[in-house]
Amino acid sequence: MRVEPDAGQSAEERAVLARMTQTILARADLTITPRESTHPAVIETAHVAQRVLHAEPPDPQRLEALGRMLERARADIADPPPELAWPVDLVAPRAHLQRSVARALKAIPKRDDDTTTAPASTVVAWRDADTDTVRETTRLLAEVWPEASAELGEILVQIALLDGAAIDGFTDFGVHGAVFIRRDRLDRSAHGLPGPIRLAEALVHEGTHTRCNAATVAAEPFLRRLAEDDGPLVATPLRADPRPLTGLFQQAVVLARSVLLYRRLLDAGPAATPTEAADAVRSRHDLLARSAIDAVGTLREHRCALTEHGLSVLEQAADVARTHA
């Protein structure tokens, strides 16, 4: 993997993960098609199967339940809207997505002195205006950054919308291929960023996490094993709570790619960025570039925890941050 998007590499990683999913479910005497093997609900079933099969011998009742879970997953598979540039499902609320959101909410750290009710997030249905924004975003990305557009078309299977203040967006390897984005990020921001540009950034952001997750498992790891398991928690630009090095590493790649997106938007001029939004686009570019410099600087303090591949990607992110700061 590199900082620059690559649809071909993404397809190779996706194929490796699909074979892994098929192999895991085959051990539970469950057969799936290649298309089914990349669906987030089927992938979730494979993760559950790993836990069931870990027992020796596996519990017959839990094995039967796996078969029922797979049938429910199959029922969730839908053809993507034909009018979209990518073969991605703008998915309505589904059980596998709600379980993923529940896991994400549990992972949000709580302050010891916080007695207020925790904010919520839930998956919600798409509205016509939301779909219109996605169409505009896919057109925009195809024009200003065709390589990123091609990669996203390869790795995204479902886009889920969230309502609630708890989560802006996230990915979950347990439902790999699905990305979650808070619906208000499809609207114009208070600082004047148009909705399609905000969604483009959100998709590049979450798509980069998706790609990093796949590359870590299906290709070369970025961090040495000890650093992944027992490494330090560090401050990061995008999260208030300390994060493991793998989280910081992904943030550095996310920030570098986000800087590249806004650079292309600025270079394209009025064709991509309305004149009245130019200042907001430039301000966002500059903020992301400063955050990228911070992320790269912290990672360099822990460069001994990175593999050769990780160091190579780090230097690519550093080049982006330095060039566009």
C-alpha atoms as a PDB file:
ATOM      1  CA  MET A   1       0.000   0.000   0.000  1.00  0.00           C
ATOM      2  CA  ARG A   2       1.036   3.580  -0.678  1.00  0.00           C
ATOM      3  CA  VAL A   3      -0.362   6.977   0.241  1.00  0.00           C
ATOM      4  CA  GLU A   4      -1.496   7.409  -3.359  1.00  0.00           C
ATOM      5  CA  PRO A   5      -4.647   5.345  -4.028  1.00  0.00           C
ATOM      6  CA  ASP A   6      -4.356   2.186  -6.122  1.00  0.00           C
ATOM      7  CA  ALA A   7      -7.486   0.338  -7.267  1.00  0.00           C
ATOM      8  CA  GLY A   8      -5.460  -2.616  -8.553  1.00  0.00           C
ATOM      9  CA  GLN A   9      -3.805  -3.266  -5.201  1.00  0.00           C
ATOM     10  CA  SER A  10      -7.160  -2.792  -3.492  1.00  0.00           C
ATOM     11  CA  ALA A  11      -8.711  -5.482  -5.691  1.00  0.00           C
ATOM     12  CA  GLU A  12      -5.897  -7.897  -4.822  1.00  0.00           C
ATOM     13  CA  GLU A  13      -6.343  -7.306  -1.090  1.00  0.00           C
ATOM     14  CA  ARG A  14     -10.094  -7.687  -1.391  1.00  0.00           C
ATOM     15  CA  ALA A  15      -9.624 -11.029  -3.165  1.00  0.00           C
ATOM     16  CA  VAL A  16      -7.334 -12.287  -0.390  1.00  0.00           C
ATOM     17  CA  LEU A  17      -9.866 -11.321   2.284  1.00  0.00           C
ATOM     18  CA  ALA A  18     -12.674 -12.955   0.285  1.00  0.00           C
ATOM     19  CA  ARG A  19     -10.752 -16.242   0.156  1.00  0.00           C
ATOM     20  CA  MET A  20     -10.111 -16.022   3.897  1.00  0.00           C
ATOM     21  CA  THR A  21     -13.846 -15.517   4.521  1.00  0.00           C
ATOM     22  CA  GLN A  22     -14.718 -18.489   2.313  1.00  0.00           C
ATOM     23  CA  THR A  23     -12.136 -20.681   4.071  1.00  0.00           C
ATOM     24  CA  ILE A  24     -13.359 -19.816   7.568  1.00  0.00           C
ATOM     25  CA  LEU A  25     -16.999 -20.495   6.730  1.00  0.00           C
ATOM     26  CA  ALA A  26     -16.093 -23.722   4.903  1.00  0.00           C
ATOM     27  CA  ARG A  27     -14.642 -25.011   8.187  1.00  0.00           C
ATOM     28  CA  ALA A  28     -18.155 -24.605   9.585  1.00  0.00           C
ATOM     29  CA  ASP A  29     -19.582 -26.442   6.525  1.00  0.00           C
ATOM     30  CA  LEU A  30     -20.984 -23.208   5.122  1.00  0.00           C
ATOM     31  CA  THR A  31     -20.510 -22.436   1.441  1.00  0.00           C
ATOM     32  CA  ILE A  32     -20.631 -18.930  -0.015  1.00  0.00           C
ATOM     33  CA  THR A  33     -20.172 -17.433  -3.460  1.00  0.00           C
ATOM     34  CA  PRO A  34     -17.347 -15.009  -4.314  1.00  0.00           C
ATOM     35  CA  ARG A  35     -19.837 -12.140  -4.367  1.00  0.00           C
ATOM     36  CA  GLU A  36     -21.211 -13.065  -0.949  1.00  0.00           C
ATOM     37  CA  SER A  37     -17.701 -13.328   0.508  1.00  0.00           C
ATOM     38  CA  THR A  38     -17.145  -9.556   0.278  1.00  0.00           C
ATOM     39  CA  HIS A  39     -20.442  -8.502   1.862  1.00  0.00           C
ATOM     40  CA  PRO A  40     -20.114  -6.917   5.334  1.00  0.00           C
ATOM     41  CA  ALA A  41     -22.867  -9.057   6.894  1.00  0.00           C
ATOM     42  CA  VAL A  42     -21.245 -12.253   5.587  1.00  0.00           C
ATOM     43  CA  ILE A  43     -17.853 -11.079   6.843  1.00  0.00           C
ATOM     44  CA  GLU A  44     -19.395 -10.518  10.270  1.00  0.00           C
ATOM     45  CA  THR A  45     -20.636 -14.130  10.144  1.00  0.00           C
ATOM     46  CA  ALA A  46     -17.086 -15.299   9.420  1.00  0.00           C
ATOM     47  CA  HIS A  47     -15.776 -13.406  12.450  1.00  0.00           C
ATOM     48  CA  VAL A  48     -18.391 -15.085  14.642  1.00  0.00           C
ATOM     49  CA  ALA A  49     -17.501 -18.443  13.055  1.00  0.00           C
ATOM     50  CA  GLN A  50     -13.876 -17.989  14.108  1.00  0.00           C
ATOM     51  CA  ARG A  51     -14.960 -17.697  17.730  1.00  0.00           C
ATOM     52  CA  VAL A  52     -17.306 -20.689  17.472  1.00  0.00           C
ATOM     53  CA  LEU A  53     -14.655 -22.852  15.797  1.00  0.00           C
ATOM     54  CA  HIS A  54     -12.081 -21.895  18.404  1.00  0.00           C
ATOM     55  CA  ALA A  55     -13.824 -24.190  20.894  1.00  0.00           C
ATOM     56  CA  GLU A  56     -12.806 -27.838  20.777  1.00  0.00           C
ATOM     57  CA  PRO A  57     -15.102 -29.412  19.844  1.00  0.00           C
ATOM     58  CA  PRO A  58     -17.371 -26.625  18.503  1.00  0.00           C
ATOM     59  CA  ASP A  59     -20.813 -26.386  20.064  1.00  0.00           C
ATOM     60  CA  PRO A  60     -23.357 -27.964  17.601  1.00  0.00           C
ATOM     61  CA  GLN A  61     -26.055 -25.465  18.568  1.00  0.00           C
ATOM     62  CA  ARG A  62     -23.750 -22.538  17.874  1.00  0.00           C
ATOM     63  CA  LEU A  63     -22.823 -24.093  14.519  1.00  0.00           C
ATOM     64  CA  GLU A  64     -26.513 -24.301  13.632  1.00  0.00           C
ATOM     65  CA  ALA A  65     -26.947 -20.680  14.676  1.00  0.00           C
ATOM     66  CA  LEU A  66     -24.128 -19.743  12.308  1.00  0.00           C
ATOM     67  CA  GLY A  67     -26.099 -21.176   9.411  1.00  0.00           C
ATOM     68  CA  ARG A  68     -29.096 -19.066  10.348  1.00  0.00           C
ATOM     69  CA  MET A  69     -26.882 -16.001  10.688  1.00  0.00           C
ATOM     70  CA  LEU A  70     -25.507 -16.599   7.196  1.00  0.00           C
ATOM     71  CA  GLU A  71     -29.016 -16.865   5.750  1.00  0.00           C
ATOM     72  CA  ARG A  72     -29.926 -13.530   7.348  1.00  0.00           C
ATOM     73  CA  ALA A  73     -26.733 -12.043   5.923  1.00  0.00           C
ATOM     74  CA  ARG A  74     -27.641 -13.294   2.450  1.00  0.00           C
ATOM     75  CA  ALA A  75     -31.025 -11.618   2.775  1.00  0.00           C
ATOM     76  CA  ASP A  76     -29.244  -8.281   3.324  1.00  0.00           C
ATOM     77  CA  ILE A  77     -27.366  -8.437   0.003  1.00  0.00           C
ATOM     78  CA  ALA A  78     -28.821  -5.952  -2.454  1.00  0.00           C
ATOM     79  CA  ASP A  79     -27.889  -4.664  -5.877  1.00  0.00           C
ATOM     80  CA  PRO A  80     -26.349  -1.169  -5.761  1.00  0.00           C
ATOM     81  CA  PRO A  81     -28.345   1.728  -7.219  1.00  0.00           C
ATOM     82  CA  PRO A  82     -27.682   1.696 -10.984  1.00  0.00           C
ATOM     83  CA  GLU A  83     -27.398   5.480 -11.165  1.00  0.00           C
ATOM     84  CA  LEU A  84     -24.300   5.615  -8.955  1.00  0.00           C
ATOM     85  CA  ALA A  85     -20.787   5.654 -10.370  1.00  0.00           C
ATOM     86  CA  TRP A  86     -19.661   3.020  -7.835  1.00  0.00           C
ATOM     87  CA  PRO A  87     -21.161  -0.424  -7.147  1.00  0.00           C
ATOM     88  CA  VAL A  88     -21.957   0.523  -3.558  1.00  0.00           C
ATOM     89  CA  ASP A  89     -25.148  -0.051  -1.579  1.00  0.00           C
ATOM     90  CA  LEU A  90     -26.616   3.006   0.147  1.00  0.00           C
ATOM     91  CA  VAL A  91     -27.808   0.737   2.886  1.00  0.00           C
ATOM     92  CA  ALA A  92     -30.854   1.090   5.095  1.00  0.00           C
ATOM     93  CA  PRO A  93     -30.612   0.159   8.790  1.00  0.00           C
ATOM     94  CA  ARG A  94     -29.581  -3.485   9.157  1.00  0.00           C
ATOM     95  CA  ALA A  95     -28.811  -5.679  12.160  1.00  0.00           C
ATOM     96  CA  HIS A  96     -25.117  -6.138  11.323  1.00  0.00           C
ATOM     97  CA  LEU A  97     -24.700  -2.363  11.064  1.00  0.00           C
ATOM     98  CA  GLN A  98     -26.459  -1.680  14.345  1.00  0.00           C
ATOM     99  CA  ARG A  99     -24.248  -4.244  16.085  1.00  0.00           C
ATOM    100  CA  SER A 100     -21.199  -2.479  14.661  1.00  0.00           C
ATOM    101  CA  VAL A 101     -22.431   0.894  15.943  1.00  0.00           C
ATOM    102  CA  ALA A 102     -23.009  -0.647  19.381  1.00  0.00           C
ATOM    103  CA  ARG A 103     -19.386  -1.829  19.421  1.00  0.00           C
ATOM    104  CA  ALA A 104     -18.188   1.620  18.380  1.00  0.00           C
ATOM    105  CA  LEU A 105     -20.206   3.306  21.122  1.00  0.00           C
ATOM    106  CA  LYS A 106     -18.736   0.973  23.742  1.00  0.00           C
ATOM    107  CA  ALA A 107     -15.237   1.934  22.581  1.00  0.00           C
ATOM    108  CA  ILE A 108     -15.784   5.653  23.228  1.00  0.00           C
ATOM    109  CA  PRO A 109     -13.890   6.500  26.431  1.00  0.00           C
ATOM    110  CA  LYS A 110     -15.908   7.926  29.296  1.00  0.00           C
ATOM    111  CA  ARG A 111     -14.551  10.518  31.698  1.00  0.00           C
ATOM    112  CA  ASP A 112     -14.549   9.497  35.345  1.00  0.00           C
ATOM    113  CA  ASP A 113     -16.409  12.666  36.337  1.00  0.00           C
ATOM    114  CA  ASP A 114     -18.947  12.510  33.491  1.00  0.00           C
ATOM    115  CA  THR A 115     -22.435  11.880  34.886  1.00  0.00           C
ATOM    116  CA  THR A 116     -24.368  13.100  31.851  1.00  0.00           C
ATOM    117  CA  THR A 117     -26.236  10.776  29.518  1.00  0.00           C
ATOM    118  CA  ALA A 118     -23.919   9.481  26.809  1.00  0.00           C
ATOM    119  CA  PRO A 119     -24.676  10.800  23.312  1.00  0.00           C
ATOM    120  CA  ALA A 120     -26.167   8.298  20.889  1.00  0.00           C
ATOM    121  CA  SER A 121     -25.684   7.268  17.276  1.00  0.00           C
ATOM    122  CA  THR A 122     -27.863   5.023  15.186  1.00  0.00           C
ATOM    123  CA  VAL A 123     -28.076   3.959  11.551  1.00  0.00           C
ATOM    124  CA  VAL A 124     -30.813   5.787   9.642  1.00  0.00           C
ATOM    125  CA  ALA A 125     -32.432   5.527   6.223  1.00  0.00           C
ATOM    126  CA  TRP A 126     -31.271   7.473   3.197  1.00  0.00           C
ATOM    127  CA  ARG A 127     -33.341  10.388   1.931  1.00  0.00           C
ATOM    128  CA  ASP A 128     -33.565  11.563  -1.679  1.00  0.00           C
ATOM    129  CA  ALA A 129     -31.443  14.624  -0.849  1.00  0.00           C
ATOM    130  CA  ASP A 130     -28.754  12.372   0.638  1.00  0.00           C
ATOM    131  CA  THR A 131     -28.641  10.262  -2.517  1.00  0.00           C
ATOM    132  CA  ASP A 132     -28.369  13.404  -4.642  1.00  0.00           C
ATOM    133  CA  THR A 133     -25.332  14.477  -2.598  1.00  0.00           C
ATOM    134  CA  VAL A 134     -23.677  11.089  -3.108  1.00  0.00           C
ATOM    135  CA  ARG A 135     -24.179  11.358  -6.865  1.00  0.00           C
ATOM    136  CA  GLU A 136     -22.598  14.816  -6.860  1.00  0.00           C
ATOM    137  CA  THR A 137     -19.716  13.565  -4.713  1.00  0.00           C
ATOM    138  CA  THR A 138     -18.940  10.598  -6.976  1.00  0.00           C
ATOM    139  CA  ARG A 139     -18.950  12.934  -9.988  1.00  0.00           C
ATOM    140  CA  LEU A 140     -16.656  15.371  -8.185  1.00  0.00           C
ATOM    141  CA  LEU A 141     -14.158  12.692  -7.152  1.00  0.00           C
ATOM    142  CA  ALA A 142     -14.092  11.180 -10.639  1.00  0.00           C
ATOM    143  CA  GLU A 143     -13.186  14.599 -12.030  1.00  0.00           C
ATOM    144  CA  VAL A 144     -10.602  15.823  -9.516  1.00  0.00           C
ATOM    145  CA  TRP A 145      -9.061  12.543  -8.316  1.00  0.00           C
ATOM    146  CA  PRO A 146      -9.898   9.588 -10.585  1.00  0.00           C
ATOM    147  CA  GLU A 147      -7.420   7.290  -8.799  1.00  0.00           C
ATOM    148  CA  ALA A 148      -9.170   7.785  -5.456  1.00  0.00           C
ATOM    149  CA  SER A 149     -12.554   7.379  -7.131  1.00  0.00           C
ATOM    150  CA  ALA A 150     -11.468   4.069  -8.661  1.00  0.00           C
ATOM    151  CA  GLU A 151     -10.118   2.785  -5.346  1.00  0.00           C
ATOM    152  CA  LEU A 152     -13.290   3.725  -3.477  1.00  0.00           C
ATOM    153  CA  GLY A 153     -15.360   1.994  -6.130  1.00  0.00           C
ATOM    154  CA  GLU A 154     -13.314  -1.126  -5.494  1.00  0.00           C
ATOM    155  CA  ILE A 155     -13.364  -1.221  -1.684  1.00  0.00           C
ATOM    156  CA  LEU A 156     -16.732   0.236  -0.636  1.00  0.00           C
ATOM    157  CA  VAL A 157     -19.613  -2.223  -0.396  1.00  0.00           C
ATOM    158  CA  GLN A 158     -22.031  -0.312   1.834  1.00  0.00           C
ATOM    159  CA  ILE A 159     -22.341   3.298   2.998  1.00  0.00           C
ATOM    160  CA  ALA A 160     -24.407   3.684   6.168  1.00  0.00           C
ATOM    161  CA  LEU A 161     -25.672   7.003   7.503  1.00  0.00           C
ATOM    162  CA  LEU A 162     -25.621   7.807  11.205  1.00  0.00           C
ATOM    163  CA  ASP A 163     -27.818  10.137  13.197  1.00  0.00           C
ATOM    164  CA  GLY A 164     -26.685  11.360  16.604  1.00  0.00           C
ATOM    165  CA  ALA A 165     -23.809  13.289  18.095  1.00  0.00           C
ATOM    166  CA  ALA A 166     -21.691  10.409  19.386  1.00  0.00           C
ATOM    167  CA  ILE A 167     -19.853   9.397  16.193  1.00  0.00           C
ATOM    168  CA  ASP A 168     -18.805  11.414  13.127  1.00  0.00           C
ATOM    169  CA  GLY A 169     -17.830   8.325  11.162  1.00  0.00           C
ATOM    170  CA  PHE A 170     -15.962   5.053  11.485  1.00  0.00           C
ATOM    171  CA  THR A 171     -15.041   1.714   9.968  1.00  0.00           C
ATOM    172  CA  ASP A 172     -15.131  -1.689  11.616  1.00  0.00           C
ATOM    173  CA  PHE A 173     -13.114  -4.662  10.359  1.00  0.00           C
ATOM    174  CA  GLY A 174     -15.891  -6.863  11.752  1.00  0.00           C
ATOM    175  CA  VAL A 175     -18.128  -5.605   8.912  1.00  0.00           C
ATOM    176  CA  HIS A 176     -15.341  -4.844   6.457  1.00  0.00           C
ATOM    177  CA  GLY A 177     -16.527  -2.999   3.342  1.00  0.00           C
ATOM    178  CA  ALA A 178     -19.086  -0.907   5.213  1.00  0.00           C
ATOM    179  CA  VAL A 179     -18.341   2.695   6.167  1.00  0.00           C
ATOM    180  CA  PHE A 180     -20.393   4.805   8.571  1.00  0.00           C
ATOM    181  CA  ILE A 181     -20.811   8.565   8.122  1.00  0.00           C
ATOM    182  CA  ARG A 182     -22.882  11.002  10.157  1.00  0.00           C
ATOM    183  CA  ARG A 183     -25.624  12.357   7.948  1.00  0.00           C
ATOM    184  CA  ASP A 184     -25.031  16.019   8.712  1.00  0.00           C
ATOM    185  CA  ARG A 185     -21.640  15.706   6.992  1.00  0.00           C
ATOM    186  CA  LEU A 186     -23.604  15.695   3.735  1.00  0.00           C
ATOM    187  CA  ASP A 187     -24.765  19.266   4.448  1.00  0.00           C
ATOM    188  CA  ARG A 188     -22.957  22.585   4.090  1.00  0.00           C
ATOM    189  CA  SER A 189     -20.767  23.272   7.103  1.00  0.00           C
ATOM    190  CA  ALA A 190     -20.950  26.355   9.307  1.00  0.00           C
ATOM    191  CA  HIS A 191     -17.677  27.478   7.690  1.00  0.00           C
ATOM    192  CA  GLY A 192     -19.062  27.244   4.157  1.00  0.00           C
ATOM    193  CA  LEU A 193     -17.793  23.856   2.937  1.00  0.00           C
ATOM    194  CA  PRO A 194     -20.344  22.432   0.462  1.00  0.00           C
ATOM    195  CA  GLY A 195     -21.956  19.105   1.317  1.00  0.00           C
ATOM    196  CA  PRO A 196     -20.480  17.166  -1.638  1.00  0.00           C
ATOM    197  CA  ILE A 197     -16.953  18.255  -0.654  1.00  0.00           C
ATOM    198  CA  ARG A 198     -17.511  17.319   3.002  1.00  0.00           C
ATOM    199  CA  LEU A 199     -18.807  13.912   1.915  1.00  0.00           C
ATOM    200  CA  ALA A 200     -15.844  13.472  -0.444  1.00  0.00           C
ATOM    201  CA  GLU A 201     -13.490  14.043   2.498  1.00  0.00           C
ATOM    202  CA  ALA A 202     -15.494  11.656   4.694  1.00  0.00           C
ATOM    203  CA  LEU A 203     -15.366   8.927   2.047  1.00  0.00           C
ATOM    204  CA  VAL A 204     -11.638   9.408   1.448  1.00  0.00           C
ATOM    205  CA  HIS A 205     -11.142   9.312   5.235  1.00  0.00           C
ATOM    206  CA  GLU A 206     -13.164   6.170   5.919  1.00  0.00           C
ATOM    207  CA  GLY A 207     -12.060   4.544   2.677  1.00  0.00           C
ATOM    208  CA  THR A 208      -8.438   4.979   3.763  1.00  0.00           C
ATOM    209  CA  HIS A 209      -9.150   3.196   7.044  1.00  0.00           C
ATOM    210  CA  THR A 210     -10.830   0.427   5.051  1.00  0.00           C
ATOM    211  CA  ARG A 211      -7.792   0.140   2.800  1.00  0.00           C
ATOM    212  CA  CYS A 212      -5.335   0.161   5.728  1.00  0.00           C
ATOM    213  CA  ASN A 213      -7.316  -2.559   7.502  1.00  0.00           C
ATOM    214  CA  ALA A 214      -7.283  -4.741   4.403  1.00  0.00           C
ATOM    215  CA  ALA A 215      -3.600  -4.123   3.658  1.00  0.00           C
ATOM    216  CA  THR A 216      -2.594  -4.990   7.224  1.00  0.00           C
ATOM    217  CA  VAL A 217      -4.206  -8.424   6.961  1.00  0.00           C
ATOM    218  CA  ALA A 218      -3.906  -9.237   3.258  1.00  0.00           C
ATOM    219  CA  ALA A 219      -0.553  -7.652   2.400  1.00  0.00           C
ATOM    220  CA  GLU A 220       2.335  -6.261   4.446  1.00  0.00           C
ATOM    221  CA  PRO A 221       1.870  -5.005   8.028  1.00  0.00           C
ATOM    222  CA  PHE A 222       2.841  -1.439   8.883  1.00  0.00           C
ATOM    223  CA  LEU A 223       3.867  -2.056  12.502  1.00  0.00           C
ATOM    224  CA  ARG A 224       6.009  -4.704  14.101  1.00  0.00           C
ATOM    225  CA  ARG A 225       3.962  -7.273  16.004  1.00  0.00           C
ATOM    226  CA  LEU A 226       5.140  -6.222  19.461  1.00  0.00           C
ATOM    227  CA  ALA A 227       4.203  -2.605  18.746  1.00  0.00           C
ATOM    228  CA  GLU A 228       0.701  -3.646  17.684  1.00  0.00           C
ATOM    229  CA  ASP A 229       0.126  -5.797  20.771  1.00  0.00           C
ATOM    230  CA  ASP A 230       1.951  -3.921  23.528  1.00  0.00           C
ATOM    231  CA  GLY A 231       2.939  -0.567  22.059  1.00  0.00           C
ATOM    232  CA  PRO A 232       2.438   2.797  23.772  1.00  0.00           C
ATOM    233  CA  LEU A 233      -0.658   4.993  23.655  1.00  0.00           C
ATOM    234  CA  VAL A 234       0.085   8.334  21.998  1.00  0.00           C
ATOM    235  CA  ALA A 235      -1.593  11.668  21.368  1.00  0.00           C
ATOM    236  CA  THR A 236      -3.093  11.999  17.882  1.00  0.00           C
ATOM    237  CA  PRO A 237      -4.470  14.939  15.872  1.00  0.00           C
ATOM    238  CA  LEU A 238      -7.931  13.477  15.268  1.00  0.00           C
ATOM    239  CA  ARG A 239      -8.839  11.954  18.627  1.00  0.00           C
ATOM    240  CA  ALA A 240      -8.947  13.465  22.108  1.00  0.00           C
ATOM    241  CA  ASP A 241      -8.091  10.161  23.789  1.00  0.00           C
ATOM    242  CA  PRO A 242      -4.628   8.561  23.488  1.00  0.00           C
ATOM    243  CA  ARG A 243      -4.494   5.969  20.736  1.00  0.00           C
ATOM    244  CA  PRO A 244      -2.269   2.972  19.947  1.00  0.00           C
ATOM    245  CA  LEU A 245       0.413   3.461  17.310  1.00  0.00           C
ATOM    246  CA  THR A 246      -1.647   1.650  14.699  1.00  0.00           C
ATOM    247  CA  GLY A 247      -4.377   4.277  15.144  1.00  0.00           C
ATOM    248  CA  LEU A 248      -1.876   7.099  14.758  1.00  0.00           C
ATOM    249  CA  PHE A 249      -0.393   5.446  11.681  1.00  0.00           C
ATOM    250  CA  GLN A 250      -3.778   5.223   9.998  1.00  0.00           C
ATOM    251  CA  GLN A 251      -4.480   8.847  10.925  1.00  0.00           C
ATOM    252  CA  ALA A 252      -1.257   9.927   9.215  1.00  0.00           C
ATOM    253  CA  VAL A 253      -2.289   8.198   5.993  1.00  0.00           C
ATOM    254  CA  VAL A 254      -5.847   9.546   6.272  1.00  0.00           C
ATOM    255  CA  LEU A 255      -4.575  13.090   6.765  1.00  0.00           C
ATOM    256  CA  ALA A 256      -2.096  12.857   3.883  1.00  0.00           C
ATOM    257  CA  ARG A 257      -4.806  11.633   1.529  1.00  0.00           C
ATOM    258  CA  SER A 258      -7.229  14.296   2.760  1.00  0.00           C
ATOM    259  CA  VAL A 259      -4.607  16.978   2.061  1.00  0.00           C
ATOM    260  CA  LEU A 260      -4.185  15.587  -1.454  1.00  0.00           C
ATOM    261  CA  LEU A 261      -7.957  15.735  -1.986  1.00  0.00           C
ATOM    262  CA  TYR A 262      -8.168  19.400  -1.019  1.00  0.00           C
ATOM    263  CA  ARG A 263      -5.065  20.230  -3.047  1.00  0.00           C
ATOM    264  CA  ARG A 264      -6.788  18.803  -6.120  1.00  0.00           C
ATOM    265  CA  LEU A 265      -9.961  20.717  -5.344  1.00  0.00           C
ATOM    266  CA  LEU A 266      -7.973  23.950  -5.101  1.00  0.00           C
ATOM    267  CA  ASP A 267      -6.052  23.217  -8.287  1.00  0.00           C
ATOM    268  CA  ALA A 268      -9.286  22.502 -10.182  1.00  0.00           C
ATOM    269  CA  GLY A 269     -10.609  25.948  -9.281  1.00  0.00           C
ATOM    270  CA  PRO A 270     -14.247  26.950  -9.897  1.00  0.00           C
ATOM    271  CA  ALA A 271     -14.904  23.755 -11.867  1.00  0.00           C
ATOM    272  CA  ALA A 272     -14.733  21.810  -8.583  1.00  0.00           C
ATOM    273  CA  THR A 273     -15.007  24.477  -5.890  1.00  0.00           C
ATOM    274  CA  PRO A 274     -17.685  27.204  -5.978  1.00  0.00           C
ATOM    275  CA  THR A 275     -16.074  30.624  -5.725  1.00  0.00           C
ATOM    276  CA  GLU A 276     -17.904  31.403  -2.496  1.00  0.00           C
ATOM    277  CA  ALA A 277     -16.455  28.219  -0.922  1.00  0.00           C
ATOM    278  CA  ALA A 278     -12.832  28.751  -1.989  1.00  0.00           C
ATOM    279  CA  ASP A 279     -11.742  30.273   1.328  1.00  0.00           C
ATOM    280  CA  ALA A 280     -13.365  27.453   3.293  1.00  0.00           C
ATOM    281  CA  VAL A 281     -11.663  24.831   1.095  1.00  0.00           C
ATOM    282  CA  ARG A 282      -8.274  26.487   1.524  1.00  0.00           C
ATOM    283  CA  SER A 283      -8.753  26.808   5.280  1.00  0.00           C
ATOM    284  CA  ARG A 284      -9.661  23.124   5.534  1.00  0.00           C
ATOM    285  CA  HIS A 285      -6.624  22.184   3.436  1.00  0.00           C
ATOM    286  CA  ASP A 286      -4.315  24.149   5.714  1.00  0.00           C
ATOM    287  CA  LEU A 287      -5.780  22.661   8.898  1.00  0.00           C
ATOM    288  CA  LEU A 288      -5.397  19.119   7.555  1.00  0.00           C
ATOM    289  CA  ALA A 289      -1.820  19.814   6.464  1.00  0.00           C
ATOM    290  CA  ARG A 290      -0.879  21.012   9.962  1.00  0.00           C
ATOM    291  CA  SER A 291      -2.498  17.936  11.473  1.00  0.00           C
ATOM    292  CA  ALA A 292      -0.592  15.718   9.033  1.00  0.00           C
ATOM    293  CA  ILE A 293       2.690  17.317  10.144  1.00  0.00           C
ATOM    294  CA  ASP A 294       1.788  16.617  13.782  1.00  0.00           C
ATOM    295  CA  ALA A 295       0.934  12.979  13.052  1.00  0.00           C
ATOM    296  CA  VAL A 296       4.127  12.412  11.066  1.00  0.00           C
ATOM    297  CA  GLY A 297       6.232  14.042  13.776  1.00  0.00           C
ATOM    298  CA  THR A 298       4.840  11.801  16.517  1.00  0.00           C
ATOM    299  CA  LEU A 299       5.225   8.691  14.375  1.00  0.00           C
ATOM    300  CA  ARG A 300       8.858   9.506  13.673  1.00  0.00           C
ATOM    301  CA  GLU A 301       9.474   9.446  17.426  1.00  0.00           C
ATOM    302  CA  HIS A 302       8.363   5.785  17.319  1.00  0.00           C
ATOM    303  CA  ARG A 303       9.860   4.799  13.969  1.00  0.00           C
ATOM    304  CA  CYS A 304      11.517   1.742  15.541  1.00  0.00           C
ATOM    305  CA  ALA A 305       8.017   0.255  15.909  1.00  0.00           C
ATOM    306  CA  LEU A 306       7.385   0.397  12.147  1.00  0.00           C
ATOM    307  CA  THR A 307       8.210  -2.256   9.579  1.00  0.00           C
ATOM    308  CA  GLU A 308      10.124  -1.340   6.428  1.00  0.00           C
ATOM    309  CA  HIS A 309       6.798  -1.083   4.653  1.00  0.00           C
ATOM    310  CA  GLY A 310       5.426   1.154   7.391  1.00  0.00           C
ATOM    311  CA  LEU A 311       8.484   3.403   7.223  1.00  0.00           C
ATOM    312  CA  SER A 312       8.054   3.735   3.466  1.00  0.00           C
ATOM    313  CA  VAL A 313       4.415   4.803   3.811  1.00  0.00           C
ATOM    314  CA  LEU A 314       5.353   7.176   6.648  1.00  0.00           C
ATOM    315  CA  GLU A 315       7.879   8.950   4.431  1.00  0.00           C
ATOM    316  CA  GLN A 316       5.279   9.266   1.674  1.00  0.00           C
ATOM    317  CA  ALA A 317       2.903  10.896   4.173  1.00  0.00           C
ATOM    318  CA  ALA A 318       5.765  13.140   5.337  1.00  0.00           C
ATOM    319  CA  ASP A 319       6.405  14.251   1.752  1.00  0.00           C
ATOM    320  CA  VAL A 320       2.744  15.213   1.340  1.00  0.00           C
ATOM    321  CA  ALA A 321       2.670  17.125   4.630  1.00  0.00           C
ATOM    322  CA  ARG A 322       5.929  18.942   3.890  1.00  0.00           C
ATOM    323  CA  THR A 323       4.969  19.831   0.314  1.00  0.00           C
ATOM    324  CA  HIS A 324       1.523  21.143   1.095  1.00  0.00           C
ATOM    325  CA  ALA A 325       2.025  22.707   4.518  1.00  0.00           C
END
